[in-house]
Structure formats: structure tokens, C-alpha cells
């Protein structure tokens, strides 16, 4: 590893991404959202409850999707899912 310079392009190879997608799917997402619900601000409770409801119907982003999106939001990153 090393430091990434500003605007340097790099590639991330996500090995066993199918396993990660399964492990970080809706079941794990629901567990994390329930933890979030316990400590979120009262004004956010209805939004987190809706996220939980959606996840229980296999709708919306999973933790895997969120991580992938964060990585891909960086225009200097190429993500390879293996």
C-alpha cells in the first residue's frame, strides 16, 4: 500500500465479490439498519423504518451496493468485481 496522489488513477480488484454481495445483502442490511434505528435522531426514525421496510421487500440498496457506489463515485477508480 501507499499514499494515493491527487488525481492518480488506480484499480481495485474485489475478489470473491459474489460472496461479498451475498454476505452484505438484504439480511445484513436489515441488521445494520436496525442498529442505526436504535441510535438515530428521532426526526430520522420514520426514514430508517422505511429503509427497513424496503429492505425486507428486497428493495433499495444493500450494504454491498452502498460500498460499491462509494468506490465508483471516485472518477479515478476502476473497480473490477471478480
N, C-alpha and C. Protein backbone atom coordinates (compact mmCIF):
# COMPACT_ATOMS: atom_id res chain seq x y z
N UNK A 1 0.84 -1.17 0.00
CA UNK A 1 0.00 0.00 0.00
C UNK A 1 0.88 1.23 0.00
N UNK A 2 0.30 2.32 -0.22
CA UNK A 2 0.99 3.59 -0.21
C UNK A 2 -0.05 4.69 -0.29
N UNK A 3 0.43 5.88 -0.34
CA UNK A 3 -0.48 7.00 -0.46
C UNK A 3 -0.87 7.21 -1.91
N UNK A 4 -2.11 7.54 -2.13
CA UNK A 4 -2.60 7.80 -3.47
C UNK A 4 -2.51 9.30 -3.70
N UNK A 5 -1.84 9.67 -4.75
CA UNK A 5 -1.68 11.07 -5.09
C UNK A 5 -2.99 11.61 -5.65
N UNK A 6 -3.17 12.92 -5.52
CA UNK A 6 -4.35 13.60 -6.04
C UNK A 6 -4.48 13.31 -7.54
N UNK A 7 -5.65 12.90 -7.96
CA UNK A 7 -5.99 12.61 -9.36
C UNK A 7 -5.28 11.38 -9.92
N UNK A 8 -4.56 10.64 -9.10
CA UNK A 8 -3.93 9.41 -9.56
C UNK A 8 -5.02 8.37 -9.83
N UNK A 9 -4.90 7.66 -10.93
CA UNK A 9 -5.87 6.63 -11.26
C UNK A 9 -5.40 5.29 -10.69
N UNK A 10 -6.34 4.51 -10.21
CA UNK A 10 -6.00 3.21 -9.65
C UNK A 10 -7.15 2.24 -9.83
N UNK A 11 -6.84 0.97 -9.66
CA UNK A 11 -7.82 -0.09 -9.84
C UNK A 11 -7.95 -0.86 -8.53
N UNK A 12 -9.19 -1.16 -8.19
CA UNK A 12 -9.48 -2.02 -7.05
C UNK A 12 -10.05 -3.32 -7.62
N UNK A 13 -9.46 -4.42 -7.23
CA UNK A 13 -9.97 -5.72 -7.63
C UNK A 13 -10.65 -6.33 -6.40
N UNK A 14 -11.96 -6.47 -6.50
CA UNK A 14 -12.74 -7.02 -5.38
C UNK A 14 -12.91 -8.51 -5.63
N UNK A 15 -12.05 -9.28 -4.99
CA UNK A 15 -12.09 -10.73 -5.16
C UNK A 15 -13.27 -11.33 -4.38
N UNK A 16 -13.80 -12.41 -4.89
CA UNK A 16 -14.95 -13.09 -4.27
C UNK A 16 -16.13 -12.13 -4.07
N UNK A 17 -16.34 -11.26 -5.06
CA UNK A 17 -17.40 -10.26 -4.92
C UNK A 17 -18.79 -10.89 -4.84
N UNK A 18 -18.98 -12.07 -5.44
CA UNK A 18 -20.29 -12.73 -5.32
C UNK A 18 -20.57 -13.11 -3.88
N UNK A 19 -19.54 -13.57 -3.18
CA UNK A 19 -19.70 -13.90 -1.76
C UNK A 19 -19.98 -12.64 -0.96
N UNK A 20 -19.25 -11.57 -1.27
CA UNK A 20 -19.47 -10.29 -0.58
C UNK A 20 -20.89 -9.79 -0.83
N UNK A 21 -21.33 -9.93 -2.08
CA UNK A 21 -22.69 -9.48 -2.41
C UNK A 21 -23.73 -10.25 -1.59
N UNK A 22 -23.50 -11.54 -1.42
CA UNK A 22 -24.40 -12.36 -0.61
C UNK A 22 -24.29 -12.00 0.88
N UNK A 23 -23.05 -11.91 1.37
CA UNK A 23 -22.83 -11.62 2.80
C UNK A 23 -23.30 -10.22 3.18
N UNK A 24 -23.25 -9.29 2.24
CA UNK A 24 -23.63 -7.90 2.52
C UNK A 24 -24.95 -7.56 1.84
N UNK A 25 -25.81 -8.56 1.72
CA UNK A 25 -27.11 -8.39 1.08
C UNK A 25 -28.17 -7.85 2.03
N UNK A 26 -29.41 -8.17 1.73
CA UNK A 26 -30.53 -7.59 2.48
C UNK A 26 -30.57 -8.03 3.94
N UNK A 27 -30.20 -9.26 4.22
CA UNK A 27 -30.23 -9.73 5.61
C UNK A 27 -29.29 -8.88 6.49
N UNK A 28 -28.07 -8.70 6.02
CA UNK A 28 -27.10 -7.88 6.76
C UNK A 28 -27.52 -6.41 6.78
N UNK A 29 -28.08 -5.94 5.68
CA UNK A 29 -28.55 -4.56 5.60
C UNK A 29 -29.63 -4.29 6.64
N UNK A 30 -30.56 -5.22 6.78
CA UNK A 30 -31.64 -5.07 7.76
C UNK A 30 -31.06 -5.03 9.18
N UNK A 31 -30.09 -5.89 9.47
CA UNK A 31 -29.47 -5.88 10.81
C UNK A 31 -28.81 -4.53 11.08
N UNK A 32 -28.07 -4.01 10.10
CA UNK A 32 -27.39 -2.72 10.29
C UNK A 32 -28.39 -1.57 10.40
N UNK A 33 -29.47 -1.63 9.64
CA UNK A 33 -30.49 -0.59 9.73
C UNK A 33 -31.18 -0.61 11.09
N UNK A 34 -31.39 -1.81 11.65
CA UNK A 34 -31.97 -1.90 12.99
C UNK A 34 -31.03 -1.29 14.03
N UNK A 35 -29.72 -1.48 13.86
CA UNK A 35 -28.75 -0.84 14.76
C UNK A 35 -28.81 0.68 14.58
N UNK A 36 -28.91 1.12 13.35
CA UNK A 36 -29.00 2.56 13.06
C UNK A 36 -30.26 3.15 13.70
N UNK A 37 -31.35 2.40 13.65
CA UNK A 37 -32.61 2.86 14.22
C UNK A 37 -32.48 3.12 15.71
N UNK A 38 -31.71 2.29 16.41
CA UNK A 38 -31.55 2.43 17.86
C UNK A 38 -30.83 3.72 18.25
N UNK A 39 -30.00 4.25 17.37
CA UNK A 39 -29.22 5.42 17.76
C UNK A 39 -29.45 6.65 16.89
N UNK A 40 -30.41 6.56 15.98
CA UNK A 40 -30.64 7.72 15.11
C UNK A 40 -31.45 8.80 15.84
N UNK A 41 -31.35 9.99 15.32
CA UNK A 41 -32.11 11.12 15.86
C UNK A 41 -33.60 10.84 15.66
N UNK A 42 -34.43 11.22 16.62
CA UNK A 42 -35.88 10.96 16.50
C UNK A 42 -36.50 11.47 15.19
N UNK A 43 -35.95 12.52 14.64
CA UNK A 43 -36.50 13.04 13.40
C UNK A 43 -36.20 12.13 12.20
N UNK A 44 -35.29 11.20 12.37
CA UNK A 44 -34.94 10.29 11.28
C UNK A 44 -35.59 8.92 11.40
N UNK A 45 -36.29 8.67 12.48
CA UNK A 45 -36.86 7.34 12.73
C UNK A 45 -37.74 6.89 11.57
N UNK A 46 -38.62 7.74 11.09
CA UNK A 46 -39.54 7.30 10.03
C UNK A 46 -38.80 6.95 8.75
N UNK A 47 -37.68 7.62 8.47
CA UNK A 47 -36.90 7.32 7.27
C UNK A 47 -36.18 5.99 7.40
N UNK A 48 -35.63 5.73 8.57
CA UNK A 48 -34.94 4.47 8.80
C UNK A 48 -35.94 3.32 8.79
N UNK A 49 -37.11 3.53 9.38
CA UNK A 49 -38.15 2.49 9.34
C UNK A 49 -38.56 2.17 7.91
N UNK A 50 -38.63 3.19 7.06
CA UNK A 50 -38.96 2.96 5.65
C UNK A 50 -37.84 2.18 4.95
N UNK A 51 -36.60 2.50 5.28
CA UNK A 51 -35.46 1.76 4.71
C UNK A 51 -35.53 0.28 5.12
N UNK A 52 -35.88 0.03 6.38
CA UNK A 52 -36.01 -1.34 6.87
C UNK A 52 -37.15 -2.05 6.13
N UNK A 53 -38.27 -1.38 6.00
CA UNK A 53 -39.42 -1.96 5.30
C UNK A 53 -39.05 -2.31 3.86
N UNK A 54 -38.36 -1.38 3.19
CA UNK A 54 -37.94 -1.63 1.80
C UNK A 54 -36.98 -2.81 1.73
N UNK A 55 -36.00 -2.84 2.63
CA UNK A 55 -35.01 -3.92 2.62
C UNK A 55 -35.68 -5.28 2.86
N UNK A 56 -36.70 -5.31 3.69
CA UNK A 56 -37.42 -6.56 3.94
C UNK A 56 -38.16 -7.04 2.69
N UNK A 57 -38.41 -6.13 1.76
CA UNK A 57 -39.05 -6.48 0.48
C UNK A 57 -38.01 -6.57 -0.64
N UNK A 58 -36.72 -6.65 -0.23
CA UNK A 58 -35.61 -6.72 -1.20
C UNK A 58 -35.61 -5.54 -2.16
N UNK A 59 -35.88 -4.37 -1.61
CA UNK A 59 -35.85 -3.13 -2.39
C UNK A 59 -34.80 -2.21 -1.79
N UNK A 60 -34.27 -1.35 -2.63
CA UNK A 60 -33.30 -0.37 -2.16
C UNK A 60 -31.91 -0.96 -2.11
N UNK A 61 -30.95 -0.10 -1.79
CA UNK A 61 -29.55 -0.54 -1.80
C UNK A 61 -29.21 -1.42 -0.60
N UNK A 62 -28.35 -2.38 -0.86
CA UNK A 62 -27.79 -3.21 0.21
C UNK A 62 -26.48 -2.57 0.65
N UNK A 63 -25.88 -3.11 1.67
CA UNK A 63 -24.56 -2.63 2.10
C UNK A 63 -23.56 -2.81 0.97
N UNK A 64 -23.64 -3.93 0.27
CA UNK A 64 -22.76 -4.16 -0.87
C UNK A 64 -22.93 -3.06 -1.91
N UNK A 65 -24.17 -2.73 -2.24
CA UNK A 65 -24.44 -1.68 -3.23
C UNK A 65 -23.87 -0.34 -2.78
N UNK A 66 -24.01 -0.03 -1.50
CA UNK A 66 -23.52 1.24 -0.97
C UNK A 66 -22.01 1.33 -1.04
N UNK A 67 -21.34 0.25 -0.67
CA UNK A 67 -19.87 0.24 -0.73
C UNK A 67 -19.41 0.40 -2.19
N UNK A 68 -20.06 -0.34 -3.08
CA UNK A 68 -19.70 -0.26 -4.50
C UNK A 68 -19.91 1.16 -5.03
N UNK A 69 -21.01 1.79 -4.65
CA UNK A 69 -21.30 3.16 -5.08
C UNK A 69 -20.25 4.14 -4.57
N UNK A 70 -19.85 3.98 -3.31
CA UNK A 70 -18.83 4.86 -2.74
C UNK A 70 -17.53 4.75 -3.54
N UNK A 71 -17.16 3.53 -3.86
CA UNK A 71 -15.94 3.32 -4.64
C UNK A 71 -16.07 3.96 -6.01
N UNK A 72 -17.19 3.71 -6.68
CA UNK A 72 -17.38 4.19 -8.05
C UNK A 72 -17.61 5.70 -8.14
N UNK A 73 -17.95 6.33 -7.01
CA UNK A 73 -18.12 7.78 -7.01
C UNK A 73 -16.81 8.51 -7.26
N UNK A 74 -15.70 7.81 -7.06
CA UNK A 74 -14.38 8.39 -7.33
C UNK A 74 -14.05 8.14 -8.79
N UNK A 75 -14.00 9.19 -9.57
CA UNK A 75 -13.77 9.06 -11.01
C UNK A 75 -12.39 8.49 -11.36
N UNK A 76 -11.50 8.44 -10.42
CA UNK A 76 -10.15 7.94 -10.67
C UNK A 76 -10.00 6.46 -10.35
N UNK A 77 -11.12 5.81 -10.00
CA UNK A 77 -11.07 4.41 -9.60
C UNK A 77 -11.74 3.55 -10.65
N UNK A 78 -11.08 2.46 -10.97
CA UNK A 78 -11.69 1.40 -11.75
C UNK A 78 -11.92 0.24 -10.78
N UNK A 79 -13.16 -0.24 -10.75
CA UNK A 79 -13.50 -1.36 -9.86
C UNK A 79 -13.72 -2.59 -10.71
N UNK A 80 -13.02 -3.64 -10.37
CA UNK A 80 -13.19 -4.92 -11.04
C UNK A 80 -13.76 -5.91 -10.03
N UNK A 81 -14.93 -6.44 -10.33
CA UNK A 81 -15.55 -7.43 -9.46
C UNK A 81 -15.20 -8.81 -9.97
N UNK A 82 -14.56 -9.58 -9.13
CA UNK A 82 -14.20 -10.96 -9.51
C UNK A 82 -14.96 -11.96 -8.66
